[in-house]
Protein backbone atom coordinates (compact mmCIF):
# COMPACT_ATOMS: atom_id res chain seq x y z
CA MET A 1 117.37 101.29 277.55
CA LYS A 2 114.53 99.31 275.94
CA GLN A 3 113.39 102.44 274.07
CA ALA A 4 116.92 102.97 272.74
CA ALA A 5 117.13 99.35 271.59
CA ARG A 6 113.83 99.64 269.78
CA THR A 7 115.05 102.84 268.07
CA LEU A 8 118.29 101.16 266.92
CA TRP A 9 116.35 98.14 265.66
CA HIS A 10 114.17 100.39 263.49
CA LEU A 11 117.08 102.31 261.91
CA PRO A 12 117.88 99.72 259.20
CA LEU A 13 114.21 99.54 258.24
CA LEU A 14 114.02 103.34 258.08
CA ALA A 15 117.15 103.49 255.90
CA ALA A 16 115.76 100.83 253.57
CA ALA A 17 112.49 102.71 253.27
CA LEU A 18 114.31 105.91 252.40
CA ILE A 19 116.34 104.14 249.71
CA VAL A 20 113.20 102.63 248.18
CA SER A 21 111.46 105.98 248.31
CA ALA A 22 114.41 107.76 246.69
CA SER A 23 114.71 105.19 243.92
CA ALA A 24 110.98 105.35 243.24
CA THR A 25 111.04 109.13 242.83
CA ALA A 26 114.44 109.47 241.13
CA THR A 27 114.34 111.50 237.91
CA PRO A 28 115.41 109.51 234.84
CA LEU A 29 118.39 110.74 232.84
CA THR A 30 116.98 112.33 229.69
CA VAL A 31 118.82 111.75 226.41
CA HIS A 32 117.85 114.13 223.60
CA ILE A 33 118.10 112.41 220.22
CA ALA A 34 117.36 113.82 216.77
CA GLU A 35 116.42 112.15 213.53
CA GLN A 36 115.54 113.39 210.06
CA PHE A 37 113.07 112.36 207.38
CA GLY A 38 113.10 109.13 205.41
CA ILE A 39 113.25 105.36 205.65
CA ALA A 40 116.99 105.54 206.36
CA TYR A 41 116.00 106.41 209.91
CA VAL A 42 113.94 103.26 210.47
CA PRO A 43 116.44 101.82 213.02
CA LEU A 44 116.07 104.99 215.09
CA THR A 45 112.29 104.70 214.75
CA VAL A 46 112.49 101.14 216.08
CA MET A 47 114.69 102.32 218.94
CA LYS A 48 112.20 105.06 219.78
CA GLU A 49 108.97 103.10 219.45
CA LYS A 50 110.21 99.98 221.25
CA HIS A 51 112.06 101.98 223.94
CA LEU A 52 115.28 100.10 223.29
CA LEU A 53 117.53 102.76 224.81
CA GLU A 54 115.56 102.64 228.04
CA GLN A 55 115.79 98.83 228.10
CA GLU A 56 119.52 98.79 227.45
CA GLY A 57 120.02 101.53 230.02
CA LYS A 58 118.57 99.31 232.74
CA LYS A 59 121.10 96.61 231.84
CA VAL A 60 123.96 98.99 232.73
CA GLY A 61 122.24 100.36 235.83
CA LEU A 62 120.77 103.54 234.36
CA ASP A 63 117.24 104.89 234.39
CA LEU A 64 117.04 106.55 230.98
CA LYS A 65 114.37 108.51 229.17
CA SER A 66 114.74 109.43 225.50
CA GLU A 67 113.26 112.60 224.02
CA TRP A 68 113.12 112.79 220.22
CA MET A 69 113.27 115.68 217.81
CA GLN A 70 113.12 115.83 214.01
CA PHE A 71 115.23 118.13 211.84
CA SER A 72 115.34 118.69 208.07
CA ASN A 73 119.16 118.62 207.77
CA GLY A 74 122.39 117.81 209.60
CA SER A 75 123.57 121.42 209.77
CA ALA A 76 120.62 122.36 211.98
CA MET A 77 121.40 119.37 214.20
CA ASN A 78 125.00 120.48 214.61
CA ASP A 79 123.77 123.90 215.74
CA ALA A 80 121.49 122.18 218.26
CA LEU A 81 124.41 120.07 219.55
CA LEU A 82 126.60 123.10 220.07
CA SER A 83 123.79 124.97 221.82
CA GLY A 84 123.37 122.10 224.29
CA SER A 85 119.76 121.35 223.36
CA LEU A 86 120.67 118.03 221.70
CA ASP A 87 122.77 115.07 222.85
CA ILE A 88 122.84 112.76 219.82
CA ALA A 89 122.45 113.87 216.21
CA SER A 90 121.91 111.72 213.15
CA GLY A 91 122.37 112.45 209.49
CA GLY A 92 124.55 112.16 206.44
CA VAL A 93 128.30 111.70 206.35
CA GLY A 94 128.83 115.22 204.98
CA PRO A 95 127.54 116.98 208.10
CA LEU A 96 129.42 114.48 210.29
CA VAL A 97 132.73 115.19 208.52
CA THR A 98 132.08 118.92 208.79
CA ALA A 99 131.26 118.69 212.50
CA TRP A 100 134.30 116.51 213.24
CA ALA A 101 136.71 118.71 211.30
CA ARG A 102 135.48 122.02 212.68
CA THR A 103 135.29 120.95 216.32
CA LYS A 104 138.55 118.98 216.46
CA GLY A 105 140.46 120.13 219.52
CA ASN A 106 137.50 121.78 221.26
CA HIS A 107 134.04 120.18 221.22
CA ASP A 108 135.46 117.10 219.45
CA ILE A 109 132.29 115.88 217.78
CA LYS A 110 132.61 112.23 216.72
CA GLY A 111 130.43 109.56 215.20
CA LEU A 112 128.95 107.01 217.59
CA CYS A 113 128.21 104.53 214.81
CA ALA A 114 126.81 104.21 211.32
CA ILE A 115 123.13 103.40 210.92
CA ASP A 116 122.87 102.29 207.32
CA SER A 117 124.38 102.27 203.84
CA MET A 118 121.85 103.47 201.26
CA PRO A 119 122.10 105.11 197.83
CA GLN A 120 120.98 108.62 197.03
CA TRP A 121 119.37 109.25 193.66
CA LEU A 122 119.25 112.46 191.68
CA ASN A 123 115.89 112.46 189.86
CA THR A 124 114.57 115.04 187.43
CA ILE A 125 111.43 116.02 185.54
CA ASN A 126 113.49 117.76 182.84
CA PRO A 127 113.57 115.41 179.82
CA ASP A 128 116.63 117.21 178.43
CA VAL A 129 118.80 116.32 181.44
CA LYS A 130 120.43 112.93 180.90
CA THR A 131 123.65 113.52 182.88
CA VAL A 132 124.89 116.21 185.26
CA LYS A 133 126.44 117.97 182.23
CA ASP A 134 122.98 118.83 180.97
CA PHE A 135 121.86 121.04 183.86
CA THR A 136 121.44 124.71 182.93
CA ALA A 137 120.34 127.95 184.57
CA LYS A 138 116.74 126.86 183.94
CA ASP A 139 117.14 124.04 186.47
CA ARG A 140 116.90 124.06 190.24
CA ILE A 141 118.20 121.05 192.17
CA SER A 142 116.86 120.37 195.64
CA VAL A 143 119.24 119.14 198.37
CA PRO A 144 118.63 119.09 202.16
CA ALA A 145 121.29 121.76 202.73
CA VAL A 146 123.23 123.63 200.04
CA ARG A 147 126.97 122.79 199.86
CA VAL A 148 127.18 120.79 203.11
CA SER A 149 124.52 118.05 203.06
CA LEU A 150 125.49 114.54 201.97
CA GLN A 151 123.63 114.99 198.69
CA ALA A 152 125.27 118.35 198.03
CA VAL A 153 128.72 116.87 198.61
CA ILE A 154 127.99 113.91 196.31
CA LEU A 155 126.82 116.34 193.63
CA GLN A 156 130.14 118.17 193.94
CA MET A 157 132.05 114.89 193.69
CA ALA A 158 130.07 114.05 190.54
CA ALA A 159 130.88 117.47 189.08
CA LEU A 160 134.56 116.94 189.83
CA LYS A 161 134.50 113.64 187.94
CA GLU A 162 132.57 115.13 185.03
CA PHE A 163 134.13 118.59 184.66
CA GLY A 164 137.57 118.18 186.22
CA LYS A 165 139.55 119.71 189.07
CA GLY A 166 138.47 123.17 190.06
CA HIS A 167 134.93 122.65 188.77
CA GLU A 168 133.50 120.71 191.67
CA HIS A 169 131.20 123.59 192.62
CA ASP A 170 129.90 124.24 189.11
CA LEU A 171 126.47 122.81 189.95
CA ASP A 172 126.15 124.49 193.36
CA LYS A 173 124.57 127.55 191.79
CA TYR A 174 121.58 125.45 190.75
CA THR A 175 120.91 124.01 194.22
CA LEU A 176 118.31 124.99 196.80
CA SER A 177 117.81 123.79 200.38
CA LEU A 178 114.59 121.89 200.99
CA SER A 179 113.57 119.02 203.23
CA HIS A 180 112.96 115.75 201.39
CA PRO A 181 109.15 115.88 201.84
CA ASP A 182 108.97 119.49 200.63
CA ALA A 183 111.21 118.79 197.65
CA LEU A 184 109.06 115.82 196.64
CA ALA A 185 105.88 117.86 196.85
CA GLN A 186 107.28 120.81 194.94
CA MET A 187 108.93 118.90 192.11
CA MET A 188 105.98 116.55 191.63
CA SER A 189 103.58 119.51 191.44
CA PHE A 190 105.29 120.37 188.12
CA LYS A 191 104.57 123.99 188.98
CA SER A 192 107.57 125.01 191.11
CA GLU A 193 111.07 125.99 190.08
CA ILE A 194 112.40 122.63 191.32
CA THR A 195 113.26 120.47 188.31
CA ALA A 196 115.53 117.94 190.07
CA ASP A 197 115.68 116.39 193.50
CA PHE A 198 118.73 114.72 195.06
CA THR A 199 117.01 112.59 197.64
CA SER A 200 116.76 109.33 199.57
CA ALA A 201 114.26 106.54 200.25
CA PRO A 202 111.28 106.56 200.12
CA TYR A 203 111.12 109.81 198.19
CA MET A 204 113.38 108.73 195.31
CA TYR A 205 111.28 105.60 194.71
CA THR A 206 108.01 107.56 194.92
CA GLU A 207 109.22 110.08 192.34
CA LEU A 208 110.22 107.41 189.85
CA LYS A 209 106.72 105.96 189.83
CA ASN A 210 105.78 108.92 187.67
CA PRO A 211 106.72 108.31 184.01
CA LYS A 212 107.74 111.96 183.67
CA VAL A 213 110.57 111.43 186.17
CA HIS A 214 113.89 109.75 185.42
CA ARG A 215 117.10 109.17 187.34
CA VAL A 216 120.21 111.16 186.47
CA LEU A 217 122.64 109.91 189.11
CA ASN A 218 123.14 107.12 191.65
CA SER A 219 125.50 107.96 194.53
CA TYR A 220 126.85 104.39 194.59
CA ASP A 221 128.24 105.02 191.09
CA VAL A 222 129.97 108.21 192.26
CA LEU A 223 131.49 106.56 195.36
CA GLY A 224 132.38 103.29 193.63
CA GLY A 225 130.02 101.16 195.70
CA PRO A 226 127.85 101.14 198.84
CA HIS A 227 128.55 103.93 201.29
CA THR A 228 127.28 104.98 204.68
CA PHE A 229 124.29 107.25 204.42
CA ILE A 230 123.29 107.90 208.03
CA SER A 231 125.44 108.02 211.17
CA ALA A 232 124.84 109.11 214.74
CA TRP A 233 127.23 111.55 216.41
CA ALA A 234 127.76 113.55 219.60
CA MET A 235 130.11 115.98 221.32
CA SER A 236 132.91 114.83 223.62
CA SER A 237 131.12 116.45 226.55
CA PHE A 238 128.49 113.77 226.04
CA TYR A 239 130.33 110.62 224.94
CA LYS A 240 133.26 111.05 227.36
CA LYS A 241 131.17 111.91 230.39
CA ASN A 242 128.46 109.34 229.74
CA PRO A 243 130.16 106.09 228.71
CA LYS A 244 127.32 103.95 230.03
CA ILE A 245 124.72 105.91 228.05
CA VAL A 246 126.85 105.49 224.92
CA GLN A 247 127.15 101.77 225.70
CA ALA A 248 123.38 101.55 226.02
CA PHE A 249 122.87 103.53 222.80
CA LEU A 250 125.19 101.26 220.80
CA ALA A 251 123.51 98.16 222.21
CA ALA A 252 120.10 99.63 221.37
CA MET A 253 121.25 100.43 217.84
CA ARG A 254 122.51 96.88 217.35
CA ASP A 255 119.16 95.59 218.60
CA ALA A 256 117.29 97.95 216.26
CA VAL A 257 119.32 96.90 213.21
CA LYS A 258 118.73 93.23 214.04
CA TYR A 259 115.02 93.91 214.38
CA VAL A 260 114.83 95.66 210.99
CA LYS A 261 116.62 92.77 209.29
CA ALA A 262 114.67 90.04 211.06
CA ASP A 263 111.20 91.55 210.67
CA PRO A 264 111.10 94.24 207.97
CA ALA A 265 107.29 94.16 207.93
CA ALA A 266 107.07 95.05 211.62
CA ALA A 267 109.78 97.70 211.24
CA ALA A 268 107.89 99.18 208.29
CA ALA A 269 104.68 99.32 210.31
CA LEU A 270 106.47 101.14 213.14
CA TRP A 271 107.99 103.65 210.71
CA VAL A 272 104.65 104.36 208.98
CA LYS A 273 102.90 104.87 212.32
CA SER A 274 105.64 107.00 213.86
CA ASN A 275 105.97 109.24 210.80
CA HIS A 276 102.23 109.43 210.06
CA SER A 277 103.15 108.33 206.56
CA ARG A 278 100.54 107.69 203.88
CA LEU A 279 102.73 105.04 202.28
CA PRO A 280 101.39 101.50 202.48
CA VAL A 281 103.28 99.37 204.99
CA ALA A 282 103.93 96.79 202.27
CA GLU A 283 105.64 99.42 200.13
CA VAL A 284 107.89 100.53 202.98
CA GLU A 285 108.70 96.90 203.71
CA ASP A 286 109.67 96.39 200.07
CA ILE A 287 112.04 99.37 200.24
CA ILE A 288 113.63 98.10 203.45
CA LYS A 289 114.22 94.72 201.79
CA LYS A 290 115.80 96.09 198.60
CA PRO A 291 119.40 94.81 198.32
CA GLU A 292 120.86 98.30 197.84
CA ASN A 293 119.54 99.34 201.27
CA ARG A 294 121.75 97.89 204.00
CA PHE A 295 121.21 98.49 207.71
CA THR A 296 124.52 98.27 209.58
CA ILE A 297 126.47 100.15 212.25
CA VAL A 298 129.72 99.67 210.28
CA PRO A 299 130.95 102.89 208.57
CA GLU A 300 131.51 102.34 204.83
CA ARG A 301 133.51 104.59 202.47
CA THR A 302 133.32 107.50 204.91
CA MET A 303 136.93 108.37 204.08
CA ALA A 304 135.94 109.02 200.47
CA PHE A 305 133.77 111.88 201.70
CA ALA A 306 136.36 113.12 204.20
CA ASN A 307 139.19 113.11 201.67
CA TYR A 308 137.14 114.97 199.07
CA MET A 309 136.02 117.61 201.56
CA ALA A 310 139.60 118.11 202.77
CA ASP A 311 140.95 118.23 199.20
CA VAL A 312 138.65 121.10 198.22
CA LYS A 313 139.15 122.93 201.53
CA MET A 314 135.57 122.49 202.67
CA VAL A 315 136.90 121.42 206.07
CA PRO A 316 140.06 122.47 207.96
CA ASN A 317 141.14 118.99 209.06
CA ARG A 318 141.66 115.62 207.36
CA PRO A 319 141.21 112.36 209.30
CA LYS A 320 143.97 109.76 208.93
CA SER A 321 141.34 107.02 208.94
CA TRP A 322 137.65 106.54 209.60
CA LYS A 323 138.54 105.78 213.22
CA ASP A 324 139.50 109.42 213.77
CA MET A 325 135.89 110.38 213.10
CA TYR A 326 134.22 107.68 215.22
CA ILE A 327 134.52 106.82 218.91
CA LYS A 328 136.84 104.03 220.09
CA ALA A 329 133.94 101.80 221.10
CA ILE A 330 133.43 100.75 217.45
CA HIS A 331 137.05 100.65 216.28
CA ASP A 332 136.93 96.86 216.19
CA LEU A 333 134.49 97.00 213.26
CA PRO A 334 135.69 96.59 209.63
CA GLY A 335 134.99 100.19 208.73
CA SER A 336 136.31 102.32 205.90
């Protein structure tokens, strides 16, 4: 009887030990996140380097681990999402609209939030090109992905304004797909076929330091004001099945944006280190602080892109509002 009593008395301690042991050896939930090149991704860099997703995960009772990948364009990210090798993609509005429209009713890809509103500049080394009307067969324009990248779509919108309906693709024949770093290197070598580069920060600022380079186009002029550059998005199989992870991601993104705004010097230092950039931290800080570069999770003018792409039949579906393209968790924001 005494032996049985001692055994019963030890059971709670044994159970507690097992729980502690299990929690100590539990495998964290891995979230695969992708980013691209450029200072536009500095909030994601902050999230990665300061382990903000992991911190926010603990607040909602999750043990999270983030694994990061880097792609050269949004189209490649969408392929990775569909293959199941990626959970959260990030990139321009063009690829997001394409992903949303083409997966509506099946994979249902939607934006989780915006990351920033930043202009895209079309720069050239061809002194004869003053406007988009001046491009000829001698020119080659670099964009991250022909026809579907954000820059490619803006170029089409500019052509529509300049040449009229039915001519939106007139400049497509001059475009080539290159990552921003490769496009910068090739154009600034003055030896490649690339004579113009439709690019983002920091590359557009770096190019214009050379007196032989001038700007042809500012995307803010085409869109009529500031517009979302980068968003994060995921498939329904992720955001519907993992609401707490999405909650943690949004909280981490808010924290990252606040950090960038509050301490641009520290954010710049993190970005330079993470990207092994040769740019001086002070220069990156200056870019982050420029008034045209706004870090925010609020989608801006995304419907301008969606409406254009639907109008010219680039995508099979048209959203009724920006909320169709983004998850309900951010519908309280003043998006557009």
